Protein backbone atom coordinates (compact mmCIF):
# COMPACT_ATOMS: atom_id res chain seq x y z
CA UNK A 1 -53.66 104.45 2.69
CA UNK A 2 -55.08 108.02 4.15
CA UNK A 3 -54.92 111.39 1.90
CA UNK A 4 -51.76 112.76 3.60
CA UNK A 5 -50.05 110.36 2.30
CA UNK A 6 -50.87 110.06 -0.98
CA UNK A 7 -51.40 113.58 -1.37
CA UNK A 8 -47.75 113.61 0.01
CA UNK A 9 -46.46 111.29 -1.89
CA UNK A 10 -48.47 112.93 -5.23
CA UNK A 11 -46.27 115.98 -3.98
CA UNK A 12 -42.92 114.21 -4.46
CA UNK A 13 -43.91 112.56 -8.07
CA UNK A 14 -44.80 116.45 -8.77
CA UNK A 15 -41.47 117.61 -7.58
CA UNK A 16 -39.45 115.04 -9.57
CA UNK A 17 -41.67 116.26 -12.57
CA UNK A 18 -42.37 112.91 -13.22
CA UNK A 19 -44.91 112.52 -15.64
CA UNK A 20 -47.45 109.49 -16.37
CA UNK A 21 -45.70 107.50 -18.42
CA UNK A 22 -42.48 107.85 -16.77
CA UNK A 23 -44.07 106.19 -14.08
CA UNK A 24 -45.36 103.36 -15.49
CA UNK A 25 -42.15 102.80 -17.22
CA UNK A 26 -39.99 102.46 -13.74
CA UNK A 27 -40.14 99.53 -10.69
CA UNK A 28 -41.04 99.84 -7.81
CA UNK A 29 -37.90 99.85 -6.12
CA UNK A 30 -36.31 102.28 -8.73
CA UNK A 31 -39.69 104.62 -7.79
CA UNK A 32 -39.25 104.64 -4.36
CA UNK A 33 -35.83 104.87 -4.22
CA UNK A 34 -36.59 107.63 -5.99
CA UNK A 35 -39.79 109.44 -4.29
CA UNK A 36 -38.47 108.46 -0.68
CA UNK A 37 -34.38 108.19 -0.72
CA UNK A 38 -32.53 106.89 2.22
CA UNK A 39 -32.63 109.62 5.11
CA UNK A 40 -28.38 109.80 6.38
CA UNK A 41 -28.22 107.68 9.35
CA UNK A 42 -27.08 108.57 13.10
CA UNK A 43 -23.96 106.96 13.14
CA UNK A 44 -23.45 109.82 10.69
CA UNK A 45 -23.29 112.26 13.27
CA UNK A 46 -20.15 113.11 14.97
CA UNK A 47 -19.18 111.42 17.99
CA UNK A 48 -18.49 113.80 21.50
CA UNK A 49 -14.89 114.16 22.47
CA UNK A 50 -15.91 112.04 25.88
CA UNK A 51 -11.88 112.55 27.41
CA UNK A 52 -12.76 116.36 27.21
CA UNK A 53 -16.00 116.06 27.88
CA UNK A 54 -15.27 113.78 31.11
CA UNK A 55 -11.83 116.44 32.40
CA UNK A 56 -14.25 119.78 31.54
CA UNK A 57 -17.13 118.56 33.66
CA UNK A 58 -14.73 118.64 36.85
CA UNK A 59 -14.39 122.31 36.67
CA UNK A 60 -16.55 123.87 39.02
CA UNK A 61 -19.54 125.56 37.54
CA UNK A 62 -19.27 122.87 34.21
CA UNK A 63 -22.42 120.76 34.15
CA UNK A 64 -22.96 118.26 31.37
CA UNK A 65 -25.65 121.04 29.74
CA UNK A 66 -23.20 123.38 29.50
CA UNK A 67 -20.52 120.91 27.79
CA UNK A 68 -23.76 119.18 25.17
CA UNK A 69 -24.75 123.38 24.30
CA UNK A 70 -20.66 123.76 23.49
CA UNK A 71 -21.02 120.86 21.62
CA UNK A 72 -24.16 121.67 19.39
CA UNK A 73 -22.54 124.65 18.65
CA UNK A 74 -19.50 123.50 16.98
CA UNK A 75 -22.34 120.39 15.41
CA UNK A 76 -25.67 121.66 15.02
CA UNK A 77 -26.27 118.11 13.21
CA UNK A 78 -24.94 116.28 16.64
CA UNK A 79 -26.98 114.65 19.06
CA UNK A 80 -29.41 116.15 20.98
CA UNK A 81 -29.19 116.64 24.92
CA UNK A 82 -30.95 113.43 26.21
CA UNK A 83 -28.87 110.89 23.78
CA UNK A 84 -25.65 113.35 24.84
CA UNK A 85 -26.48 112.03 27.95
CA UNK A 86 -27.20 108.72 27.32
CA UNK A 87 -23.72 108.21 25.79
CA UNK A 88 -21.94 110.18 27.97
CA UNK A 89 -22.72 107.08 30.86
CA UNK A 90 -22.35 104.60 27.87
CA UNK A 91 -18.38 106.05 27.29
CA UNK A 92 -17.99 105.96 31.47
CA UNK A 93 -19.20 102.63 32.10
CA UNK A 94 -17.00 101.57 29.68
CA UNK A 95 -13.93 102.97 31.31
CA UNK A 96 -15.40 101.59 34.97
CA UNK A 97 -15.85 105.13 36.21
CA UNK A 98 -19.30 104.89 37.07
CA UNK A 99 -20.88 102.82 39.67
CA UNK A 100 -24.23 105.00 40.68
CA UNK A 101 -25.46 106.16 37.47
CA UNK A 102 -27.74 108.69 39.73
CA UNK A 103 -24.48 110.27 40.69
CA UNK A 104 -24.89 111.48 36.19
CA UNK A 105 -27.78 114.34 36.06
CA UNK A 106 -29.34 114.83 33.18
């Protein structure tokens, strides 16, 4: 194990105000849950409204990048641009609206 990993673990234990006696009494699973809580999954991210995006893209001067910026303003924890484009492409392909993926530029 690296020095950085050990230091990070000790820092987490210190921030949790754990003493050695308490650490020895805990199970490995309980200790891991305390020091390394599970992060929220990407499934919790707000989904873009693809029908709206599809209609807006047809307007002059409207790009996926512009629509993504609008989405991020409303949902700062939302998908980043590349994933946003991939999700939109996937939505389009499920609807049978895309024949050539090269037509959608991201």
